Amino acid sequence: MKLIIAIIKPAKIEEVQDNLRDLGITGATVSEVRGYGRQKGQTEIYRGAEYHIQFVPKLKLEIAVPDEYVESTIDAISKGAHTDKIGDGKIFVLDLEQAVRIRTGETDRDAL
């Protein structure tokens, strides 16, 4: 099993979610986060004044999948989140040693 963590632009969440749903992935955790990378923040204009925002708003998706779903999940997220502009995001894949569904006690793949 793997834990896939994706950082994406908030405006792209619906496309990513639709792509994941098409794969049969029905569960994900989404958190509002802020960060910066190569784009080093962004400049916005509010009431005629220019402001530099160092930490750009993003969404963090966490999705647990069986090993055979990793590549298709990465592809689905990449296609849904892609704008071809700086700040599209990142995807990280981590090993997931164990999963437990609290309600039923199911473990590992059955818990996903």
N, C-alpha and C. Protein backbone atom coordinates (compact mmCIF):
# COMPACT_ATOMS: atom_id res chain seq x y z
N MET A 1 0.83 -1.17 0.00
CA MET A 1 0.00 0.00 0.00
C MET A 1 0.88 1.24 0.00
N LYS A 2 0.34 2.31 -0.56
CA LYS A 2 1.07 3.57 -0.62
C LYS A 2 0.15 4.70 -0.15
N LEU A 3 0.77 5.74 0.39
CA LEU A 3 0.07 6.97 0.72
C LEU A 3 0.53 8.01 -0.28
N ILE A 4 -0.40 8.53 -1.04
CA ILE A 4 -0.09 9.55 -2.04
C ILE A 4 -0.51 10.90 -1.47
N ILE A 5 0.44 11.82 -1.44
CA ILE A 5 0.18 13.17 -0.97
C ILE A 5 0.38 14.10 -2.16
N ALA A 6 -0.64 14.88 -2.45
CA ALA A 6 -0.57 15.82 -3.58
C ALA A 6 -0.88 17.22 -3.08
N ILE A 7 -0.08 18.17 -3.52
CA ILE A 7 -0.31 19.58 -3.24
C ILE A 7 -0.73 20.21 -4.57
N ILE A 8 -1.95 20.77 -4.61
CA ILE A 8 -2.48 21.29 -5.88
C ILE A 8 -3.10 22.68 -5.67
N LYS A 9 -3.40 23.33 -6.78
CA LYS A 9 -4.11 24.60 -6.74
C LYS A 9 -5.56 24.35 -6.37
N PRO A 10 -6.14 25.18 -5.50
CA PRO A 10 -7.53 24.96 -5.08
C PRO A 10 -8.52 24.92 -6.23
N ALA A 11 -8.30 25.67 -7.28
CA ALA A 11 -9.23 25.72 -8.40
C ALA A 11 -9.29 24.41 -9.18
N LYS A 12 -8.33 23.51 -8.97
CA LYS A 12 -8.26 22.26 -9.73
C LYS A 12 -8.84 21.05 -8.99
N ILE A 13 -9.38 21.25 -7.79
CA ILE A 13 -9.82 20.12 -6.98
C ILE A 13 -10.96 19.34 -7.64
N GLU A 14 -11.89 20.00 -8.27
CA GLU A 14 -13.01 19.27 -8.87
C GLU A 14 -12.56 18.37 -10.01
N GLU A 15 -11.64 18.86 -10.85
CA GLU A 15 -11.12 18.03 -11.94
C GLU A 15 -10.37 16.82 -11.39
N VAL A 16 -9.55 17.04 -10.38
CA VAL A 16 -8.80 15.94 -9.77
C VAL A 16 -9.78 14.94 -9.15
N GLN A 17 -10.76 15.43 -8.42
CA GLN A 17 -11.74 14.55 -7.78
C GLN A 17 -12.51 13.74 -8.82
N ASP A 18 -12.91 14.34 -9.92
CA ASP A 18 -13.60 13.62 -10.99
C ASP A 18 -12.72 12.52 -11.56
N ASN A 19 -11.44 12.82 -11.79
CA ASN A 19 -10.51 11.82 -12.32
C ASN A 19 -10.33 10.66 -11.35
N LEU A 20 -10.22 10.97 -10.06
CA LEU A 20 -10.06 9.91 -9.06
C LEU A 20 -11.32 9.06 -8.97
N ARG A 21 -12.47 9.69 -9.03
CA ARG A 21 -13.74 8.96 -8.97
C ARG A 21 -13.86 8.01 -10.17
N ASP A 22 -13.39 8.45 -11.36
CA ASP A 22 -13.41 7.61 -12.55
C ASP A 22 -12.55 6.36 -12.37
N LEU A 23 -11.51 6.45 -11.53
CA LEU A 23 -10.64 5.30 -11.24
C LEU A 23 -11.25 4.36 -10.21
N GLY A 24 -12.29 4.82 -9.54
CA GLY A 24 -12.89 4.02 -8.47
C GLY A 24 -12.36 4.38 -7.10
N ILE A 25 -11.60 5.45 -7.02
CA ILE A 25 -11.09 5.92 -5.73
C ILE A 25 -12.14 6.82 -5.11
N THR A 26 -12.72 6.38 -4.02
CA THR A 26 -13.86 7.08 -3.45
C THR A 26 -13.52 7.86 -2.19
N GLY A 27 -12.32 7.74 -1.69
CA GLY A 27 -11.97 8.43 -0.45
C GLY A 27 -10.66 9.16 -0.53
N ALA A 28 -10.64 10.35 0.05
CA ALA A 28 -9.42 11.15 0.13
C ALA A 28 -9.60 12.13 1.28
N THR A 29 -8.50 12.58 1.83
CA THR A 29 -8.53 13.63 2.83
C THR A 29 -7.98 14.89 2.17
N VAL A 30 -8.70 15.99 2.32
CA VAL A 30 -8.29 17.25 1.71
C VAL A 30 -8.13 18.29 2.82
N SER A 31 -7.00 18.97 2.82
CA SER A 31 -6.72 20.02 3.80
C SER A 31 -6.31 21.29 3.09
N GLU A 32 -6.73 22.42 3.64
CA GLU A 32 -6.25 23.70 3.12
C GLU A 32 -4.89 23.97 3.74
N VAL A 33 -3.91 24.24 2.88
CA VAL A 33 -2.55 24.49 3.36
C VAL A 33 -2.01 25.74 2.65
N ARG A 34 -0.89 26.22 3.12
CA ARG A 34 -0.20 27.35 2.49
C ARG A 34 1.27 26.97 2.37
N GLY A 35 1.90 27.44 1.31
CA GLY A 35 3.30 27.14 1.14
C GLY A 35 3.91 27.97 0.03
N TYR A 36 5.17 27.69 -0.23
CA TYR A 36 5.86 28.37 -1.33
C TYR A 36 6.87 27.41 -1.92
N GLY A 37 7.23 27.68 -3.13
CA GLY A 37 8.23 26.87 -3.83
C GLY A 37 9.01 27.78 -4.75
N ARG A 38 9.21 27.33 -5.96
CA ARG A 38 9.99 28.11 -6.91
C ARG A 38 9.33 29.44 -7.25
N GLN A 39 8.00 29.49 -7.15
CA GLN A 39 7.33 30.74 -7.50
C GLN A 39 7.54 31.83 -6.44
N LYS A 40 8.02 31.45 -5.25
CA LYS A 40 8.35 32.40 -4.18
C LYS A 40 7.21 33.33 -3.83
N GLY A 41 6.03 32.78 -3.69
CA GLY A 41 4.86 33.58 -3.34
C GLY A 41 4.18 34.14 -4.58
N GLN A 42 3.26 35.06 -4.36
CA GLN A 42 2.58 35.68 -5.49
C GLN A 42 2.17 37.10 -5.11
N THR A 43 1.94 37.91 -6.13
CA THR A 43 1.52 39.28 -5.92
C THR A 43 0.05 39.40 -6.27
N GLU A 44 -0.71 40.03 -5.39
CA GLU A 44 -2.13 40.25 -5.62
C GLU A 44 -2.44 41.73 -5.43
N ILE A 45 -3.51 42.17 -6.06
CA ILE A 45 -3.95 43.55 -5.93
C ILE A 45 -5.29 43.56 -5.20
N TYR A 46 -5.36 44.34 -4.11
CA TYR A 46 -6.58 44.46 -3.33
C TYR A 46 -6.87 45.94 -3.12
N ARG A 47 -8.00 46.39 -3.60
CA ARG A 47 -8.41 47.80 -3.50
C ARG A 47 -7.33 48.75 -4.00
N GLY A 48 -6.75 48.37 -5.11
CA GLY A 48 -5.76 49.23 -5.76
C GLY A 48 -4.36 49.13 -5.21
N ALA A 49 -4.18 48.43 -4.10
CA ALA A 49 -2.85 48.29 -3.51
C ALA A 49 -2.29 46.91 -3.84
N GLU A 50 -1.01 46.87 -4.10
CA GLU A 50 -0.35 45.61 -4.44
C GLU A 50 0.22 44.96 -3.19
N TYR A 51 -0.06 43.68 -3.01
CA TYR A 51 0.42 42.93 -1.84
C TYR A 51 1.19 41.71 -2.32
N HIS A 52 2.29 41.43 -1.63
CA HIS A 52 3.04 40.20 -1.93
C HIS A 52 2.68 39.16 -0.87
N ILE A 53 2.18 38.02 -1.34
CA ILE A 53 1.81 36.93 -0.45
C ILE A 53 2.93 35.89 -0.50
N GLN A 54 3.60 35.67 0.62
CA GLN A 54 4.72 34.72 0.64
C GLN A 54 4.24 33.28 0.61
N PHE A 55 3.17 32.97 1.32
CA PHE A 55 2.67 31.61 1.39
C PHE A 55 1.39 31.51 0.58
N VAL A 56 1.47 30.78 -0.52
CA VAL A 56 0.38 30.67 -1.47
C VAL A 56 -0.62 29.61 -1.00
N PRO A 57 -1.94 29.89 -1.06
CA PRO A 57 -2.94 28.90 -0.66
C PRO A 57 -2.94 27.71 -1.63
N LYS A 58 -2.95 26.51 -1.07
CA LYS A 58 -2.99 25.27 -1.85
C LYS A 58 -3.92 24.29 -1.13
N LEU A 59 -4.19 23.17 -1.79
CA LEU A 59 -4.91 22.06 -1.16
C LEU A 59 -3.97 20.87 -1.09
N LYS A 60 -4.04 20.16 0.02
CA LYS A 60 -3.24 18.95 0.21
C LYS A 60 -4.19 17.76 0.22
N LEU A 61 -3.98 16.84 -0.72
CA LEU A 61 -4.77 15.61 -0.79
C LEU A 61 -3.94 14.47 -0.25
N GLU A 62 -4.55 13.62 0.56
CA GLU A 62 -3.91 12.42 1.07
C GLU A 62 -4.80 11.24 0.68
N ILE A 63 -4.23 10.30 -0.07
CA ILE A 63 -5.00 9.18 -0.60
C ILE A 63 -4.22 7.90 -0.36
N ALA A 64 -4.84 6.93 0.30
CA ALA A 64 -4.22 5.62 0.50
C ALA A 64 -4.72 4.69 -0.60
N VAL A 65 -3.79 4.03 -1.29
CA VAL A 65 -4.16 3.15 -2.40
C VAL A 65 -3.34 1.86 -2.37
N PRO A 66 -3.90 0.77 -2.93
CA PRO A 66 -3.09 -0.43 -3.11
C PRO A 66 -1.97 -0.15 -4.12
N ASP A 67 -0.91 -0.93 -4.06
CA ASP A 67 0.25 -0.70 -4.92
C ASP A 67 -0.10 -0.60 -6.41
N GLU A 68 -1.04 -1.42 -6.87
CA GLU A 68 -1.36 -1.44 -8.30
C GLU A 68 -2.11 -0.19 -8.77
N TYR A 69 -2.57 0.64 -7.85
CA TYR A 69 -3.28 1.88 -8.21
C TYR A 69 -2.38 3.11 -8.21
N VAL A 70 -1.13 2.96 -7.84
CA VAL A 70 -0.25 4.11 -7.66
C VAL A 70 -0.08 4.91 -8.96
N GLU A 71 0.33 4.26 -10.02
CA GLU A 71 0.61 4.97 -11.28
C GLU A 71 -0.64 5.62 -11.85
N SER A 72 -1.77 4.91 -11.82
CA SER A 72 -3.00 5.48 -12.37
C SER A 72 -3.50 6.64 -11.51
N THR A 73 -3.27 6.58 -10.20
CA THR A 73 -3.66 7.67 -9.31
C THR A 73 -2.80 8.89 -9.57
N ILE A 74 -1.50 8.69 -9.71
CA ILE A 74 -0.60 9.80 -10.03
C ILE A 74 -1.00 10.44 -11.35
N ASP A 75 -1.30 9.62 -12.33
CA ASP A 75 -1.70 10.12 -13.65
C ASP A 75 -3.00 10.92 -13.55
N ALA A 76 -3.97 10.42 -12.80
CA ALA A 76 -5.25 11.11 -12.64
C ALA A 76 -5.07 12.48 -11.97
N ILE A 77 -4.25 12.52 -10.93
CA ILE A 77 -4.00 13.79 -10.23
C ILE A 77 -3.26 14.75 -11.16
N SER A 78 -2.23 14.26 -11.83
CA SER A 78 -1.43 15.10 -12.72
C SER A 78 -2.28 15.72 -13.83
N LYS A 79 -3.11 14.91 -14.45
CA LYS A 79 -3.95 15.42 -15.54
C LYS A 79 -4.98 16.43 -15.03
N GLY A 80 -5.55 16.16 -13.88
CA GLY A 80 -6.55 17.07 -13.34
C GLY A 80 -5.99 18.38 -12.82
N ALA A 81 -4.76 18.35 -12.31
CA ALA A 81 -4.17 19.53 -11.68
C ALA A 81 -3.30 20.35 -12.63
N HIS A 82 -3.02 19.83 -13.81
CA HIS A 82 -2.08 20.47 -14.73
C HIS A 82 -2.66 21.74 -15.35
N THR A 83 -1.90 22.84 -15.28
CA THR A 83 -2.25 24.09 -15.96
C THR A 83 -1.11 24.56 -16.85
N ASP A 84 0.04 23.90 -16.74
CA ASP A 84 1.25 24.27 -17.47
C ASP A 84 1.81 25.62 -17.02
N LYS A 85 1.47 26.00 -15.78
CA LYS A 85 1.99 27.23 -15.21
C LYS A 85 2.71 26.90 -13.91
N ILE A 86 3.61 27.77 -13.51
CA ILE A 86 4.34 27.56 -12.28
C ILE A 86 3.35 27.49 -11.11
N GLY A 87 3.62 26.60 -10.16
CA GLY A 87 2.75 26.46 -9.00
C GLY A 87 1.69 25.40 -9.14
N ASP A 88 1.78 24.53 -10.16
CA ASP A 88 0.79 23.46 -10.34
C ASP A 88 0.79 22.49 -9.17
N GLY A 89 1.93 22.30 -8.52
CA GLY A 89 1.98 21.46 -7.33
C GLY A 89 2.98 20.34 -7.40
N LYS A 90 2.85 19.42 -6.45
CA LYS A 90 3.76 18.28 -6.33
C LYS A 90 2.96 17.06 -5.89
N ILE A 91 3.52 15.88 -6.18
CA ILE A 91 2.94 14.62 -5.73
C ILE A 91 4.06 13.83 -5.05
N PHE A 92 3.76 13.31 -3.86
CA PHE A 92 4.71 12.50 -3.11
C PHE A 92 4.08 11.13 -2.86
N VAL A 93 4.90 10.08 -2.92
CA VAL A 93 4.41 8.72 -2.68
C VAL A 93 5.22 8.12 -1.54
N LEU A 94 4.51 7.68 -0.50
CA LEU A 94 5.15 7.10 0.68
C LEU A 94 4.65 5.68 0.89
N ASP A 95 5.50 4.83 1.45
CA ASP A 95 5.07 3.49 1.84
C ASP A 95 4.09 3.60 2.99
N LEU A 96 3.06 2.77 2.94
CA LEU A 96 2.04 2.74 3.99
C LEU A 96 2.07 1.34 4.60
N GLU A 97 2.51 1.24 5.82
CA GLU A 97 2.72 -0.06 6.45
C GLU A 97 1.43 -0.72 6.89
N GLN A 98 0.49 0.04 7.39
CA GLN A 98 -0.73 -0.57 7.90
C GLN A 98 -1.88 0.42 7.84
N ALA A 99 -3.07 -0.12 7.61
CA ALA A 99 -4.30 0.67 7.65
C ALA A 99 -5.33 -0.12 8.43
N VAL A 100 -6.14 0.56 9.23
CA VAL A 100 -7.18 -0.09 10.03
C VAL A 100 -8.46 0.72 9.90
N ARG A 101 -9.55 0.05 9.53
CA ARG A 101 -10.85 0.70 9.54
C ARG A 101 -11.39 0.58 10.97
N ILE A 102 -11.57 1.69 11.65
CA ILE A 102 -11.93 1.69 13.06
C ILE A 102 -13.27 1.00 13.29
N ARG A 103 -14.26 1.29 12.46
CA ARG A 103 -15.61 0.76 12.68
C ARG A 103 -15.65 -0.76 12.65
N THR A 104 -14.96 -1.40 11.67
CA THR A 104 -15.08 -2.85 11.51
C THR A 104 -13.86 -3.63 11.95
N GLY A 105 -12.74 -2.95 12.14
CA GLY A 105 -11.51 -3.64 12.48
C GLY A 105 -10.79 -4.22 11.27
N GLU A 106 -11.31 -3.99 10.07
CA GLU A 106 -10.63 -4.48 8.86
C GLU A 106 -9.25 -3.84 8.78
N THR A 107 -8.30 -4.58 8.21
CA THR A 107 -6.94 -4.07 8.13
C THR A 107 -6.44 -4.05 6.71
N ASP A 108 -5.40 -3.26 6.51
CA ASP A 108 -4.65 -3.14 5.27
C ASP A 108 -5.55 -2.90 4.06
N ARG A 109 -5.42 -3.69 3.04
CA ARG A 109 -6.16 -3.45 1.79
C ARG A 109 -7.68 -3.42 2.01
N ASP A 110 -8.18 -4.30 2.89
CA ASP A 110 -9.63 -4.32 3.17
C ASP A 110 -10.09 -3.03 3.82
N ALA A 111 -9.19 -2.34 4.50
CA ALA A 111 -9.55 -1.10 5.18
C ALA A 111 -9.60 0.10 4.23
N LEU A 112 -8.98 -0.05 3.05
CA LEU A 112 -8.98 1.06 2.11
C LEU A 112 -10.32 1.15 1.45
